[in-house]
PDB file of N, CA and C in Angstrom:
ATOM      1  N   UNK A   1      12.962 -16.351  -6.687  1.00  0.00           N
ATOM      2  CA  UNK A   1      13.123 -15.675  -7.951  1.00  0.00           C
ATOM      3  C   UNK A   1      11.777 -15.550  -8.662  1.00  0.00           C
ATOM      4  N   UNK A   2      11.143 -16.674  -9.023  1.00  0.00           N
ATOM      5  CA  UNK A   2       9.809 -16.630  -9.621  1.00  0.00           C
ATOM      6  C   UNK A   2       8.769 -16.810  -8.529  1.00  0.00           C
ATOM      7  N   UNK A   3       7.811 -15.928  -8.489  1.00  0.00           N
ATOM      8  CA  UNK A   3       6.730 -16.077  -7.523  1.00  0.00           C
ATOM      9  C   UNK A   3       5.484 -16.660  -8.181  1.00  0.00           C
ATOM     10  N   UNK A   4       5.533 -16.879  -9.495  1.00  0.00           N
ATOM     11  CA  UNK A   4       4.404 -17.445 -10.225  1.00  0.00           C
ATOM     12  C   UNK A   4       4.496 -18.965 -10.140  1.00  0.00           C
ATOM     13  N   UNK A   5       3.399 -19.621  -9.742  1.00  0.00           N
ATOM     14  CA  UNK A   5       3.428 -21.087  -9.671  1.00  0.00           C
ATOM     15  C   UNK A   5       3.662 -21.702 -11.056  1.00  0.00           C
ATOM     16  N   UNK A   6       4.286 -22.840 -11.048  1.00  0.00           N
ATOM     17  CA  UNK A   6       4.627 -23.518 -12.296  1.00  0.00           C
ATOM     18  C   UNK A   6       3.375 -23.876 -13.100  1.00  0.00           C
ATOM     19  N   UNK A   7       2.285 -24.275 -12.453  1.00  0.00           N
ATOM     20  CA  UNK A   7       1.068 -24.664 -13.161  1.00  0.00           C
ATOM     21  C   UNK A   7       0.473 -23.495 -13.932  1.00  0.00           C
ATOM     22  N   UNK A   8       0.645 -22.274 -13.429  1.00  0.00           N
ATOM     23  CA  UNK A   8       0.138 -21.097 -14.136  1.00  0.00           C
ATOM     24  C   UNK A   8       0.915 -20.914 -15.437  1.00  0.00           C
ATOM     25  N   UNK A   9       2.205 -21.139 -15.400  1.00  0.00           N
ATOM     26  CA  UNK A   9       3.020 -21.031 -16.613  1.00  0.00           C
ATOM     27  C   UNK A   9       2.601 -22.078 -17.638  1.00  0.00           C
ATOM     28  N   UNK A  10       2.303 -23.293 -17.171  1.00  0.00           N
ATOM     29  CA  UNK A  10       1.839 -24.337 -18.088  1.00  0.00           C
ATOM     30  C   UNK A  10       0.491 -23.963 -18.717  1.00  0.00           C
ATOM     31  N   UNK A  11      -0.394 -23.404 -17.909  1.00  0.00           N
ATOM     32  CA  UNK A  11      -1.699 -22.990 -18.436  1.00  0.00           C
ATOM     33  C   UNK A  11      -1.517 -21.893 -19.476  1.00  0.00           C
ATOM     34  N   UNK A  12      -0.688 -20.910 -19.191  1.00  0.00           N
ATOM     35  CA  UNK A  12      -0.430 -19.833 -20.151  1.00  0.00           C
ATOM     36  C   UNK A  12       0.210 -20.379 -21.425  1.00  0.00           C
ATOM     37  N   UNK A  13       1.141 -21.311 -21.268  1.00  0.00           N
ATOM     38  CA  UNK A  13       1.755 -21.939 -22.437  1.00  0.00           C
ATOM     39  C   UNK A  13       0.722 -22.694 -23.263  1.00  0.00           C
ATOM     40  N   UNK A  14      -0.190 -23.390 -22.598  1.00  0.00           N
ATOM     41  CA  UNK A  14      -1.255 -24.101 -23.303  1.00  0.00           C
ATOM     42  C   UNK A  14      -2.168 -23.154 -24.059  1.00  0.00           C
ATOM     43  N   UNK A  15      -2.454 -22.005 -23.472  1.00  0.00           N
ATOM     44  CA  UNK A  15      -3.294 -21.009 -24.143  1.00  0.00           C
ATOM     45  C   UNK A  15      -2.602 -20.490 -25.394  1.00  0.00           C
ATOM     46  N   UNK A  16      -1.319 -20.222 -25.297  1.00  0.00           N
ATOM     47  CA  UNK A  16      -0.561 -19.715 -26.449  1.00  0.00           C
ATOM     48  C   UNK A  16      -0.528 -20.763 -27.561  1.00  0.00           C
ATOM     49  N   UNK A  17      -0.243 -22.007 -27.213  1.00  0.00           N
ATOM     50  CA  UNK A  17      -0.194 -23.079 -28.212  1.00  0.00           C
ATOM     51  C   UNK A  17      -1.571 -23.271 -28.846  1.00  0.00           C
ATOM     52  N   UNK A  18      -2.620 -23.228 -28.030  1.00  0.00           N
ATOM     53  CA  UNK A  18      -3.976 -23.390 -28.546  1.00  0.00           C
ATOM     54  C   UNK A  18      -4.335 -22.262 -29.512  1.00  0.00           C
ATOM     55  N   UNK A  19      -3.978 -21.037 -29.177  1.00  0.00           N
ATOM     56  CA  UNK A  19      -4.255 -19.902 -30.063  1.00  0.00           C
ATOM     57  C   UNK A  19      -3.502 -20.056 -31.375  1.00  0.00           C
ATOM     58  N   UNK A  20      -2.248 -20.470 -31.305  1.00  0.00           N
ATOM     59  CA  UNK A  20      -1.453 -20.669 -32.514  1.00  0.00           C
ATOM     60  C   UNK A  20      -2.086 -21.723 -33.414  1.00  0.00           C
ATOM     61  N   UNK A  21      -2.506 -22.838 -32.821  1.00  0.00           N
ATOM     62  CA  UNK A  21      -3.114 -23.910 -33.606  1.00  0.00           C
ATOM     63  C   UNK A  21      -4.455 -23.470 -34.205  1.00  0.00           C
ATOM     64  N   UNK A  22      -5.215 -22.665 -33.470  1.00  0.00           N
ATOM     65  CA  UNK A  22      -6.496 -22.180 -33.993  1.00  0.00           C
ATOM     66  C   UNK A  22      -6.272 -21.287 -35.206  1.00  0.00           C
ATOM     67  N   UNK A  23      -5.295 -20.408 -35.132  1.00  0.00           N
ATOM     68  CA  UNK A  23      -4.993 -19.519 -36.259  1.00  0.00           C
ATOM     69  C   UNK A  23      -4.494 -20.334 -37.446  1.00  0.00           C
ATOM     70  N   UNK A  24      -3.621 -21.290 -37.184  1.00  0.00           N
ATOM     71  CA  UNK A  24      -3.069 -22.124 -38.249  1.00  0.00           C
ATOM     72  C   UNK A  24      -4.162 -22.935 -38.944  1.00  0.00           C
ATOM     73  N   UNK A  25      -5.034 -23.578 -38.172  1.00  0.00           N
ATOM     74  CA  UNK A  25      -6.091 -24.390 -38.785  1.00  0.00           C
ATOM     75  C   UNK A  25      -7.108 -23.513 -39.505  1.00  0.00           C
ATOM     76  N   UNK A  26      -7.377 -22.319 -38.995  1.00  0.00           N
ATOM     77  CA  UNK A  26      -8.278 -21.397 -39.683  1.00  0.00           C
ATOM     78  C   UNK A  26      -7.735 -20.977 -41.027  1.00  0.00           C
ATOM     79  N   UNK A  27      -6.439 -20.725 -41.078  1.00  0.00           N
ATOM     80  CA  UNK A  27      -5.796 -20.344 -42.340  1.00  0.00           C
ATOM     81  C   UNK A  27      -5.873 -21.494 -43.345  1.00  0.00           C
ATOM     82  N   UNK A  28      -5.615 -22.718 -42.890  1.00  0.00           N
ATOM     83  CA  UNK A  28      -5.683 -23.882 -43.774  1.00  0.00           C
ATOM     84  C   UNK A  28      -7.109 -24.100 -44.283  1.00  0.00           C
ATOM     85  N   UNK A  29      -8.096 -23.917 -43.403  1.00  0.00           N
ATOM     86  CA  UNK A  29      -9.494 -24.077 -43.821  1.00  0.00           C
ATOM     87  C   UNK A  29      -9.874 -23.055 -44.885  1.00  0.00           C
ATOM     88  N   UNK A  30      -9.476 -21.800 -44.687  1.00  0.00           N
ATOM     89  CA  UNK A  30      -9.776 -20.775 -45.687  1.00  0.00           C
ATOM     90  C   UNK A  30      -9.129 -21.100 -47.019  1.00  0.00           C
ATOM     91  N   UNK A  31      -7.902 -21.612 -46.983  1.00  0.00           N
ATOM     92  CA  UNK A  31      -7.204 -21.970 -48.218  1.00  0.00           C
ATOM     93  C   UNK A  31      -7.927 -23.120 -48.927  1.00  0.00           C
ATOM     94  N   UNK A  32      -8.349 -24.128 -48.183  1.00  0.00           N
ATOM     95  CA  UNK A  32      -9.080 -25.250 -48.778  1.00  0.00           C
ATOM     96  C   UNK A  32     -10.406 -24.785 -49.362  1.00  0.00           C
ATOM     97  N   UNK A  33     -11.117 -23.918 -48.643  1.00  0.00           N
ATOM     98  CA  UNK A  33     -12.388 -23.403 -49.151  1.00  0.00           C
ATOM     99  C   UNK A  33     -12.178 -22.614 -50.433  1.00  0.00           C
ATOM    100  N   UNK A  34     -11.109 -21.833 -50.487  1.00  0.00           N
ATOM    101  CA  UNK A  34     -10.819 -21.051 -51.688  1.00  0.00           C
ATOM    102  C   UNK A  34     -10.550 -21.966 -52.882  1.00  0.00           C
ATOM    103  N   UNK A  35      -9.807 -23.056 -52.655  1.00  0.00           N
ATOM    104  CA  UNK A  35      -9.535 -24.009 -53.731  1.00  0.00           C
ATOM    105  C   UNK A  35     -10.828 -24.663 -54.218  1.00  0.00           C
ATOM    106  N   UNK A  36     -11.719 -25.008 -53.292  1.00  0.00           N
ATOM    107  CA  UNK A  36     -12.997 -25.614 -53.673  1.00  0.00           C
ATOM    108  C   UNK A  36     -13.822 -24.624 -54.481  1.00  0.00           C
ATOM    109  N   UNK A  37     -13.858 -23.376 -54.047  1.00  0.00           N
ATOM    110  CA  UNK A  37     -14.614 -22.346 -54.758  1.00  0.00           C
ATOM    111  C   UNK A  37     -14.063 -22.159 -56.165  1.00  0.00           C
ATOM    112  N   UNK A  38     -12.740 -22.152 -56.297  1.00  0.00           N
ATOM    113  CA  UNK A  38     -12.131 -21.996 -57.622  1.00  0.00           C
ATOM    114  C   UNK A  38     -12.482 -23.172 -58.530  1.00  0.00           C
ATOM    115  N   UNK A  39     -12.452 -24.393 -57.986  1.00  0.00           N
ATOM    116  CA  UNK A  39     -12.809 -25.569 -58.795  1.00  0.00           C
ATOM    117  C   UNK A  39     -14.270 -25.509 -59.226  1.00  0.00           C
ATOM    118  N   UNK A  40     -15.153 -25.135 -58.310  1.00  0.00           N
ATOM    119  CA  UNK A  40     -16.570 -25.028 -58.658  1.00  0.00           C
ATOM    120  C   UNK A  40     -16.786 -23.942 -59.704  1.00  0.00           C
ATOM    121  N   UNK A  41     -16.039 -22.845 -59.592  1.00  0.00           N
ATOM    122  CA  UNK A  41     -16.143 -21.775 -60.581  1.00  0.00           C
ATOM    123  C   UNK A  41     -15.686 -22.239 -61.950  1.00  0.00           C
ATOM    124  N   UNK A  42     -14.607 -23.011 -61.989  1.00  0.00           N
ATOM    125  CA  UNK A  42     -14.126 -23.538 -63.270  1.00  0.00           C
ATOM    126  C   UNK A  42     -15.171 -24.451 -63.907  1.00  0.00           C
ATOM    127  N   UNK A  43     -15.808 -25.299 -63.086  1.00  0.00           N
ATOM    128  CA  UNK A  43     -16.844 -26.196 -63.602  1.00  0.00           C
ATOM    129  C   UNK A  43     -18.008 -25.376 -64.145  1.00  0.00           C
ATOM    130  N   UNK A  44     -18.400 -24.328 -63.428  1.00  0.00           N
ATOM    131  CA  UNK A  44     -19.518 -23.487 -63.862  1.00  0.00           C
ATOM    132  C   UNK A  44     -19.189 -22.786 -65.177  1.00  0.00           C
ATOM    133  N   UNK A  45     -17.988 -22.231 -65.268  1.00  0.00           N
ATOM    134  CA  UNK A  45     -17.589 -21.535 -66.495  1.00  0.00           C
ATOM    135  C   UNK A  45     -17.555 -22.512 -67.667  1.00  0.00           C
ATOM    136  N   UNK A  46     -17.018 -23.708 -67.444  1.00  0.00           N
ATOM    137  CA  UNK A  46     -16.964 -24.712 -68.510  1.00  0.00           C
ATOM    138  C   UNK A  46     -18.372 -25.078 -68.973  1.00  0.00           C
ATOM    139  N   UNK A  47     -19.282 -25.265 -68.020  1.00  0.00           N
ATOM    140  CA  UNK A  47     -20.659 -25.610 -68.370  1.00  0.00           C
ATOM    141  C   UNK A  47     -21.322 -24.476 -69.149  1.00  0.00           C
ATOM    142  N   UNK A  48     -21.068 -23.233 -68.765  1.00  0.00           N
ATOM    143  CA  UNK A  48     -21.648 -22.093 -69.480  1.00  0.00           C
ATOM    144  C   UNK A  48     -21.090 -22.001 -70.904  1.00  0.00           C
ATOM    145  N   UNK A  49     -19.799 -22.275 -71.068  1.00  0.00           N
ATOM    146  CA  UNK A  49     -19.205 -22.258 -72.410  1.00  0.00           C
ATOM    147  C   UNK A  49     -19.811 -23.357 -73.282  1.00  0.00           C
ATOM    148  N   UNK A  50     -20.038 -24.538 -72.699  1.00  0.00           N
ATOM    149  CA  UNK A  50     -20.660 -25.626 -73.455  1.00  0.00           C
ATOM    150  C   UNK A  50     -22.074 -25.245 -73.878  1.00  0.00           C
ATOM    151  N   UNK A  51     -22.825 -24.626 -72.983  1.00  0.00           N
ATOM    152  CA  UNK A  51     -24.177 -24.180 -73.327  1.00  0.00           C
ATOM    153  C   UNK A  51     -24.134 -23.128 -74.426  1.00  0.00           C
ATOM    154  N   UNK A  52     -23.150 -22.253 -74.367  1.00  0.00           N
ATOM    155  CA  UNK A  52     -23.004 -21.213 -75.388  1.00  0.00           C
ATOM    156  C   UNK A  52     -22.728 -21.850 -76.749  1.00  0.00           C
ATOM    157  N   UNK A  53     -21.831 -22.842 -76.769  1.00  0.00           N
ATOM    158  CA  UNK A  53     -21.519 -23.523 -78.031  1.00  0.00           C
ATOM    159  C   UNK A  53     -22.736 -24.284 -78.560  1.00  0.00           C
ATOM    160  N   UNK A  54     -23.496 -24.900 -77.675  1.00  0.00           N
ATOM    161  CA  UNK A  54     -24.712 -25.597 -78.105  1.00  0.00           C
ATOM    162  C   UNK A  54     -25.701 -24.610 -78.712  1.00  0.00           C
ATOM    163  N   UNK A  55     -25.845 -23.461 -78.062  1.00  0.00           N
ATOM    164  CA  UNK A  55     -26.791 -22.464 -78.551  1.00  0.00           C
ATOM    165  C   UNK A  55     -26.340 -21.916 -79.901  1.00  0.00           C
ATOM    166  N   UNK A  56     -25.054 -21.624 -80.032  1.00  0.00           N
ATOM    167  CA  UNK A  56     -24.526 -21.123 -81.305  1.00  0.00           C
ATOM    168  C   UNK A  56     -24.707 -22.179 -82.387  1.00  0.00           C
ATOM    169  N   UNK A  57     -24.442 -23.426 -82.063  1.00  0.00           N
ATOM    170  CA  UNK A  57     -24.602 -24.516 -83.028  1.00  0.00           C
ATOM    171  C   UNK A  57     -26.042 -24.676 -83.458  1.00  0.00           C
ATOM    172  N   UNK A  58     -26.979 -24.568 -82.525  1.00  0.00           N
ATOM    173  CA  UNK A  58     -28.390 -24.716 -82.896  1.00  0.00           C
ATOM    174  C   UNK A  58     -28.865 -23.512 -83.697  1.00  0.00           C
ATOM    175  N   UNK A  59     -28.319 -22.323 -83.445  1.00  0.00           N
ATOM    176  CA  UNK A  59     -28.666 -21.141 -84.238  1.00  0.00           C
ATOM    177  C   UNK A  59     -28.175 -21.295 -85.674  1.00  0.00           C
ATOM    178  N   UNK A  60     -26.992 -21.855 -85.871  1.00  0.00           N
ATOM    179  CA  UNK A  60     -26.456 -22.059 -87.223  1.00  0.00           C
ATOM    180  C   UNK A  60     -27.312 -23.061 -87.987  1.00  0.00           C
ATOM    181  N   UNK A  61     -27.777 -24.099 -87.295  1.00  0.00           N
ATOM    182  CA  UNK A  61     -28.619 -25.100 -87.948  1.00  0.00           C
ATOM    183  C   UNK A  61     -29.925 -24.480 -88.413  1.00  0.00           C
ATOM    184  N   UNK A  62     -30.476 -23.572 -87.642  1.00  0.00           N
ATOM    185  CA  UNK A  62     -31.722 -22.913 -88.031  1.00  0.00           C
ATOM    186  C   UNK A  62     -31.525 -22.066 -89.282  1.00  0.00           C
ATOM    187  N   UNK A  63     -30.372 -21.396 -89.378  1.00  0.00           N
ATOM    188  CA  UNK A  63     -30.094 -20.557 -90.545  1.00  0.00           C
ATOM    189  C   UNK A  63     -30.016 -21.423 -91.792  1.00  0.00           C
ATOM    190  N   UNK A  64     -29.375 -22.588 -91.697  1.00  0.00           N
ATOM    191  CA  UNK A  64     -29.222 -23.455 -92.859  1.00  0.00           C
ATOM    192  C   UNK A  64     -30.531 -24.142 -93.239  1.00  0.00           C
ATOM    193  N   UNK A  65     -31.449 -24.297 -92.291  1.00  0.00           N
ATOM    194  CA  UNK A  65     -32.713 -24.961 -92.590  1.00  0.00           C
ATOM    195  C   UNK A  65     -33.595 -24.106 -93.488  1.00  0.00           C
ATOM    196  N   UNK A  66     -33.497 -22.790 -93.398  1.00  0.00           N
ATOM    197  CA  UNK A  66     -34.359 -21.904 -94.196  1.00  0.00           C
ATOM    198  C   UNK A  66     -33.889 -21.931 -95.576  1.00  0.00           C
TER     199      UNK A  66
END
């Protein structure tokens, strides 16, 4: 009935499983990288807002000093 040796089927099955795992782990890595990028962006935005408030505060102090 089957003329294909059993070991060939196992090798093909291993290739399919390996490809599936590679795609799955790649998707997870991209998701983790995206989360890290978003966290770093939030930190950067927060730091820029703090600098903006410091600058605005120092500008107000200069106005009152005159």
